[in-house]
Amino acid sequence: MTPQTKIAIGGVVVGLVLGAIFGWWIAALVVLGAIAVPVVGYLMLDPSQRRRVRAQGRKRLGS
């Protein structure tokens, strides 16, 4: 399991625990934040950096 996957699973688990304690809207914010942070980071890259990230992903899939 990759470190990114572990972080994503941890964010979902924390969201579920907070949902059980505080309410569904805080849990939804935590889960949304766990999803939004990597997406915003990817969107902040310029086009050449995005190409390099996509190329690395394809290289890993083939090996």
PDB file of N, CA and C in Angstrom:
ATOM      1  N   MET A   1       0.849  -1.171   0.000  1.00  0.00           N
ATOM      2  CA  MET A   1       0.000   0.000   0.000  1.00  0.00           C
ATOM      3  C   MET A   1       0.899   1.240   0.000  1.00  0.00           C
ATOM      4  N   THR A   2       0.563   2.188  -0.858  1.00  0.00           N
ATOM      5  CA  THR A   2       1.374   3.400  -0.953  1.00  0.00           C
ATOM      6  C   THR A   2       1.087   4.330   0.220  1.00  0.00           C
ATOM      7  N   PRO A   3       2.026   5.223   0.520  1.00  0.00           N
ATOM      8  CA  PRO A   3       1.795   6.175   1.618  1.00  0.00           C
ATOM      9  C   PRO A   3       0.571   7.056   1.370  1.00  0.00           C
ATOM     10  N   GLN A   4       0.320   7.419   0.113  1.00  0.00           N
ATOM     11  CA  GLN A   4      -0.842   8.249  -0.188  1.00  0.00           C
ATOM     12  C   GLN A   4      -2.139   7.513   0.123  1.00  0.00           C
ATOM     13  N   THR A   5      -2.166   6.224  -0.169  1.00  0.00           N
ATOM     14  CA  THR A   5      -3.361   5.434   0.124  1.00  0.00           C
ATOM     15  C   THR A   5      -3.587   5.339   1.628  1.00  0.00           C
ATOM     16  N   LYS A   6      -2.507   5.166   2.379  1.00  0.00           N
ATOM     17  CA  LYS A   6      -2.628   5.101   3.836  1.00  0.00           C
ATOM     18  C   LYS A   6      -3.167   6.405   4.403  1.00  0.00           C
ATOM     19  N   ILE A   7      -2.715   7.521   3.863  1.00  0.00           N
ATOM     20  CA  ILE A   7      -3.195   8.827   4.322  1.00  0.00           C
ATOM     21  C   ILE A   7      -4.671   9.005   3.988  1.00  0.00           C
ATOM     22  N   ALA A   8      -5.057   8.594   2.777  1.00  0.00           N
ATOM     23  CA  ALA A   8      -6.463   8.717   2.377  1.00  0.00           C
ATOM     24  C   ALA A   8      -7.357   7.862   3.263  1.00  0.00           C
ATOM     25  N   ILE A   9      -6.941   6.631   3.537  1.00  0.00           N
ATOM     26  CA  ILE A   9      -7.732   5.756   4.403  1.00  0.00           C
ATOM     27  C   ILE A   9      -7.809   6.338   5.814  1.00  0.00           C
ATOM     28  N   GLY A  10      -6.694   6.886   6.297  1.00  0.00           N
ATOM     29  CA  GLY A  10      -6.693   7.519   7.620  1.00  0.00           C
ATOM     30  C   GLY A  10      -7.644   8.698   7.692  1.00  0.00           C
ATOM     31  N   GLY A  11      -7.702   9.506   6.629  1.00  0.00           N
ATOM     32  CA  GLY A  11      -8.629  10.637   6.601  1.00  0.00           C
ATOM     33  C   GLY A  11     -10.075  10.192   6.657  1.00  0.00           C
ATOM     34  N   VAL A  12     -10.385   9.126   5.937  1.00  0.00           N
ATOM     35  CA  VAL A  12     -11.759   8.603   5.954  1.00  0.00           C
ATOM     36  C   VAL A  12     -12.098   8.045   7.330  1.00  0.00           C
ATOM     37  N   VAL A  13     -11.168   7.326   7.946  1.00  0.00           N
ATOM     38  CA  VAL A  13     -11.417   6.760   9.274  1.00  0.00           C
ATOM     39  C   VAL A  13     -11.627   7.869  10.307  1.00  0.00           C
ATOM     40  N   VAL A  14     -10.773   8.891  10.255  1.00  0.00           N
ATOM     41  CA  VAL A  14     -10.934  10.020  11.181  1.00  0.00           C
ATOM     42  C   VAL A  14     -12.282  10.699  10.945  1.00  0.00           C
ATOM     43  N   GLY A  15     -12.664  10.833   9.685  1.00  0.00           N
ATOM     44  CA  GLY A  15     -13.970  11.428   9.382  1.00  0.00           C
ATOM     45  C   GLY A  15     -15.115  10.617   9.955  1.00  0.00           C
ATOM     46  N   LEU A  16     -15.025   9.299   9.861  1.00  0.00           N
ATOM     47  CA  LEU A  16     -16.088   8.451  10.405  1.00  0.00           C
ATOM     48  C   LEU A  16     -16.147   8.527  11.932  1.00  0.00           C
ATOM     49  N   VAL A  17     -14.976   8.559  12.560  1.00  0.00           N
ATOM     50  CA  VAL A  17     -14.945   8.671  14.028  1.00  0.00           C
ATOM     51  C   VAL A  17     -15.523  10.016  14.466  1.00  0.00           C
ATOM     52  N   LEU A  18     -15.110  11.089  13.787  1.00  0.00           N
ATOM     53  CA  LEU A  18     -15.667  12.403  14.135  1.00  0.00           C
ATOM     54  C   LEU A  18     -17.165  12.459  13.865  1.00  0.00           C
ATOM     55  N   GLY A  19     -17.606  11.762  12.822  1.00  0.00           N
ATOM     56  CA  GLY A  19     -19.046  11.714  12.538  1.00  0.00           C
ATOM     57  C   GLY A  19     -19.816  11.047  13.653  1.00  0.00           C
ATOM     58  N   ALA A  20     -19.237  10.014  14.234  1.00  0.00           N
ATOM     59  CA  ALA A  20     -19.910   9.322  15.332  1.00  0.00           C
ATOM     60  C   ALA A  20     -19.941  10.187  16.588  1.00  0.00           C
ATOM     61  N   ILE A  21     -18.931  11.049  16.757  1.00  0.00           N
ATOM     62  CA  ILE A  21     -18.844  11.856  17.970  1.00  0.00           C
ATOM     63  C   ILE A  21     -19.580  13.186  17.820  1.00  0.00           C
ATOM     64  N   PHE A  22     -19.294  13.937  16.748  1.00  0.00           N
ATOM     65  CA  PHE A  22     -19.790  15.309  16.627  1.00  0.00           C
ATOM     66  C   PHE A  22     -20.976  15.496  15.694  1.00  0.00           C
ATOM     67  N   GLY A  23     -21.098  14.691  14.697  1.00  0.00           N
ATOM     68  CA  GLY A  23     -22.179  14.878  13.733  1.00  0.00           C
ATOM     69  C   GLY A  23     -21.663  14.708  12.321  1.00  0.00           C
ATOM     70  N   TRP A  24     -22.592  14.521  11.419  1.00  0.00           N
ATOM     71  CA  TRP A  24     -22.207  14.166  10.056  1.00  0.00           C
ATOM     72  C   TRP A  24     -21.503  15.297   9.324  1.00  0.00           C
ATOM     73  N   TRP A  25     -21.782  16.557   9.635  1.00  0.00           N
ATOM     74  CA  TRP A  25     -21.224  17.657   8.838  1.00  0.00           C
ATOM     75  C   TRP A  25     -19.734  17.844   9.096  1.00  0.00           C
ATOM     76  N   ILE A  26     -19.257  17.612  10.315  1.00  0.00           N
ATOM     77  CA  ILE A  26     -17.818  17.697  10.586  1.00  0.00           C
ATOM     78  C   ILE A  26     -17.096  16.545   9.903  1.00  0.00           C
ATOM     79  N   ALA A  27     -17.696  15.362   9.930  1.00  0.00           N
ATOM     80  CA  ALA A  27     -17.107  14.211   9.246  1.00  0.00           C
ATOM     81  C   ALA A  27     -17.033  14.464   7.743  1.00  0.00           C
ATOM     82  N   ALA A  28     -18.065  15.066   7.202  1.00  0.00           N
ATOM     83  CA  ALA A  28     -18.067  15.372   5.764  1.00  0.00           C
ATOM     84  C   ALA A  28     -16.966  16.363   5.425  1.00  0.00           C
ATOM     85  N   LEU A  29     -16.737  17.338   6.289  1.00  0.00           N
ATOM     86  CA  LEU A  29     -15.659  18.304   6.044  1.00  0.00           C
ATOM     87  C   LEU A  29     -14.280  17.641   6.075  1.00  0.00           C
ATOM     88  N   VAL A  30     -14.071  16.718   6.996  1.00  0.00           N
ATOM     89  CA  VAL A  30     -12.778  16.031   7.086  1.00  0.00           C
ATOM     90  C   VAL A  30     -12.549  15.156   5.855  1.00  0.00           C
ATOM     91  N   VAL A  31     -13.559  14.400   5.459  1.00  0.00           N
ATOM     92  CA  VAL A  31     -13.432  13.539   4.278  1.00  0.00           C
ATOM     93  C   VAL A  31     -13.233  14.392   3.034  1.00  0.00           C
ATOM     94  N   LEU A  32     -13.966  15.482   2.912  1.00  0.00           N
ATOM     95  CA  LEU A  32     -13.805  16.385   1.769  1.00  0.00           C
ATOM     96  C   LEU A  32     -12.401  16.990   1.755  1.00  0.00           C
ATOM     97  N   GLY A  33     -11.876  17.337   2.920  1.00  0.00           N
ATOM     98  CA  GLY A  33     -10.515  17.865   2.999  1.00  0.00           C
ATOM     99  C   GLY A  33      -9.481  16.835   2.597  1.00  0.00           C
ATOM    100  N   ALA A  34      -9.683  15.572   2.987  1.00  0.00           N
ATOM    101  CA  ALA A  34      -8.753  14.507   2.620  1.00  0.00           C
ATOM    102  C   ALA A  34      -8.732  14.289   1.115  1.00  0.00           C
ATOM    103  N   ILE A  35      -9.841  14.556   0.463  1.00  0.00           N
ATOM    104  CA  ILE A  35      -9.906  14.421  -0.994  1.00  0.00           C
ATOM    105  C   ILE A  35      -9.398  15.684  -1.675  1.00  0.00           C
ATOM    106  N   ALA A  36      -9.710  16.846  -1.126  1.00  0.00           N
ATOM    107  CA  ALA A  36      -9.408  18.113  -1.787  1.00  0.00           C
ATOM    108  C   ALA A  36      -7.929  18.483  -1.763  1.00  0.00           C
ATOM    109  N   VAL A  37      -7.201  18.128  -0.720  1.00  0.00           N
ATOM    110  CA  VAL A  37      -5.796  18.543  -0.608  1.00  0.00           C
ATOM    111  C   VAL A  37      -4.950  18.026  -1.769  1.00  0.00           C
ATOM    112  N   PRO A  38      -4.971  16.719  -2.107  1.00  0.00           N
ATOM    113  CA  PRO A  38      -4.162  16.278  -3.246  1.00  0.00           C
ATOM    114  C   PRO A  38      -4.640  16.843  -4.578  1.00  0.00           C
ATOM    115  N   VAL A  39      -5.955  17.035  -4.722  1.00  0.00           N
ATOM    116  CA  VAL A  39      -6.483  17.586  -5.969  1.00  0.00           C
ATOM    117  C   VAL A  39      -5.996  19.015  -6.162  1.00  0.00           C
ATOM    118  N   VAL A  40      -6.048  19.816  -5.126  1.00  0.00           N
ATOM    119  CA  VAL A  40      -5.575  21.201  -5.209  1.00  0.00           C
ATOM    120  C   VAL A  40      -4.075  21.237  -5.478  1.00  0.00           C
ATOM    121  N   GLY A  41      -3.333  20.332  -4.844  1.00  0.00           N
ATOM    122  CA  GLY A  41      -1.896  20.265  -5.098  1.00  0.00           C
ATOM    123  C   GLY A  41      -1.589  19.940  -6.545  1.00  0.00           C
ATOM    124  N   TYR A  42      -2.336  19.017  -7.128  1.00  0.00           N
ATOM    125  CA  TYR A  42      -2.137  18.663  -8.538  1.00  0.00           C
ATOM    126  C   TYR A  42      -2.490  19.832  -9.447  1.00  0.00           C
ATOM    127  N   LEU A  43      -3.565  20.516  -9.141  1.00  0.00           N
ATOM    128  CA  LEU A  43      -3.990  21.640  -9.978  1.00  0.00           C
ATOM    129  C   LEU A  43      -3.038  22.828  -9.888  1.00  0.00           C
ATOM    130  N   MET A  44      -2.243  22.906  -8.829  1.00  0.00           N
ATOM    131  CA  MET A  44      -1.282  23.998  -8.693  1.00  0.00           C
ATOM    132  C   MET A  44      -0.031  23.789  -9.550  1.00  0.00           C
ATOM    133  N   LEU A  45       0.164  22.572 -10.065  1.00  0.00           N
ATOM    134  CA  LEU A  45       1.318  22.308 -10.919  1.00  0.00           C
ATOM    135  C   LEU A  45       1.121  22.961 -12.287  1.00  0.00           C
ATOM    136  N   ASP A  46       2.238  23.352 -12.917  1.00  0.00           N
ATOM    137  CA  ASP A  46       2.108  23.861 -14.279  1.00  0.00           C
ATOM    138  C   ASP A  46       2.057  22.674 -15.241  1.00  0.00           C
ATOM    139  N   PRO A  47       1.680  22.903 -16.504  1.00  0.00           N
ATOM    140  CA  PRO A  47       1.446  21.799 -17.440  1.00  0.00           C
ATOM    141  C   PRO A  47       2.630  20.835 -17.609  1.00  0.00           C
ATOM    142  N   SER A  48       3.854  21.336 -17.599  1.00  0.00           N
ATOM    143  CA  SER A  48       4.992  20.428 -17.772  1.00  0.00           C
ATOM    144  C   SER A  48       5.148  19.509 -16.555  1.00  0.00           C
ATOM    145  N   GLN A  49       4.888  20.033 -15.363  1.00  0.00           N
ATOM    146  CA  GLN A  49       4.976  19.205 -14.166  1.00  0.00           C
ATOM    147  C   GLN A  49       3.862  18.164 -14.144  1.00  0.00           C
ATOM    148  N   ARG A  50       2.675  18.532 -14.615  1.00  0.00           N
ATOM    149  CA  ARG A  50       1.574  17.568 -14.684  1.00  0.00           C
ATOM    150  C   ARG A  50       1.907  16.430 -15.636  1.00  0.00           C
ATOM    151  N   ARG A  51       2.544  16.761 -16.769  1.00  0.00           N
ATOM    152  CA  ARG A  51       2.937  15.712 -17.720  1.00  0.00           C
ATOM    153  C   ARG A  51       3.904  14.737 -17.065  1.00  0.00           C
ATOM    154  N   ARG A  52       4.851  15.266 -16.306  1.00  0.00           N
ATOM    155  CA  ARG A  52       5.822  14.394 -15.631  1.00  0.00           C
ATOM    156  C   ARG A  52       5.135  13.499 -14.602  1.00  0.00           C
ATOM    157  N   VAL A  53       4.167  14.037 -13.861  1.00  0.00           N
ATOM    158  CA  VAL A  53       3.443  13.238 -12.864  1.00  0.00           C
ATOM    159  C   VAL A  53       2.650  12.139 -13.561  1.00  0.00           C
ATOM    160  N   ARG A  54       1.966  12.464 -14.657  1.00  0.00           N
ATOM    161  CA  ARG A  54       1.199  11.450 -15.395  1.00  0.00           C
ATOM    162  C   ARG A  54       2.115  10.385 -15.979  1.00  0.00           C
ATOM    163  N   ALA A  55       3.295  10.792 -16.482  1.00  0.00           N
ATOM    164  CA  ALA A  55       4.236   9.829 -17.047  1.00  0.00           C
ATOM    165  C   ALA A  55       4.745   8.872 -15.979  1.00  0.00           C
ATOM    166  N   GLN A  56       5.000   9.362 -14.784  1.00  0.00           N
ATOM    167  CA  GLN A  56       5.445   8.486 -13.696  1.00  0.00           C
ATOM    168  C   GLN A  56       4.360   7.489 -13.331  1.00  0.00           C
ATOM    169  N   GLY A  57       3.113   7.927 -13.316  1.00  0.00           N
ATOM    170  CA  GLY A  57       1.999   7.017 -13.010  1.00  0.00           C
ATOM    171  C   GLY A  57       1.883   5.927 -14.046  1.00  0.00           C
ATOM    172  N   ARG A  58       2.039   6.260 -15.325  1.00  0.00           N
ATOM    173  CA  ARG A  58       1.970   5.250 -16.373  1.00  0.00           C
ATOM    174  C   ARG A  58       3.143   4.293 -16.284  1.00  0.00           C
ATOM    175  N   LYS A  59       4.316   4.803 -15.913  1.00  0.00           N
ATOM    176  CA  LYS A  59       5.495   3.952 -15.802  1.00  0.00           C
ATOM    177  C   LYS A  59       5.295   2.935 -14.686  1.00  0.00           C
ATOM    178  N   ARG A  60       4.703   3.342 -13.582  1.00  0.00           N
ATOM    179  CA  ARG A  60       4.465   2.416 -12.463  1.00  0.00           C
ATOM    180  C   ARG A  60       3.436   1.364 -12.828  1.00  0.00           C
ATOM    181  N   LEU A  61       2.426   1.749 -13.608  1.00  0.00           N
ATOM    182  CA  LEU A  61       1.391   0.792 -13.971  1.00  0.00           C
ATOM    183  C   LEU A  61       1.956  -0.324 -14.839  1.00  0.00           C
ATOM    184  N   GLY A  62       2.931  -0.015 -15.678  1.00  0.00           N
ATOM    185  CA  GLY A  62       3.499  -1.006 -16.577  1.00  0.00           C
ATOM    186  C   GLY A  62       4.481  -1.954 -15.913  1.00  0.00           C
ATOM    187  N   SER A  63       5.022  -1.580 -14.775  1.00  0.00           N
ATOM    188  CA  SER A  63       6.063  -2.423 -14.162  1.00  0.00           C
ATOM    189  C   SER A  63       5.508  -3.398 -13.158  1.00  0.00           C
TER     190      SER A  63
END
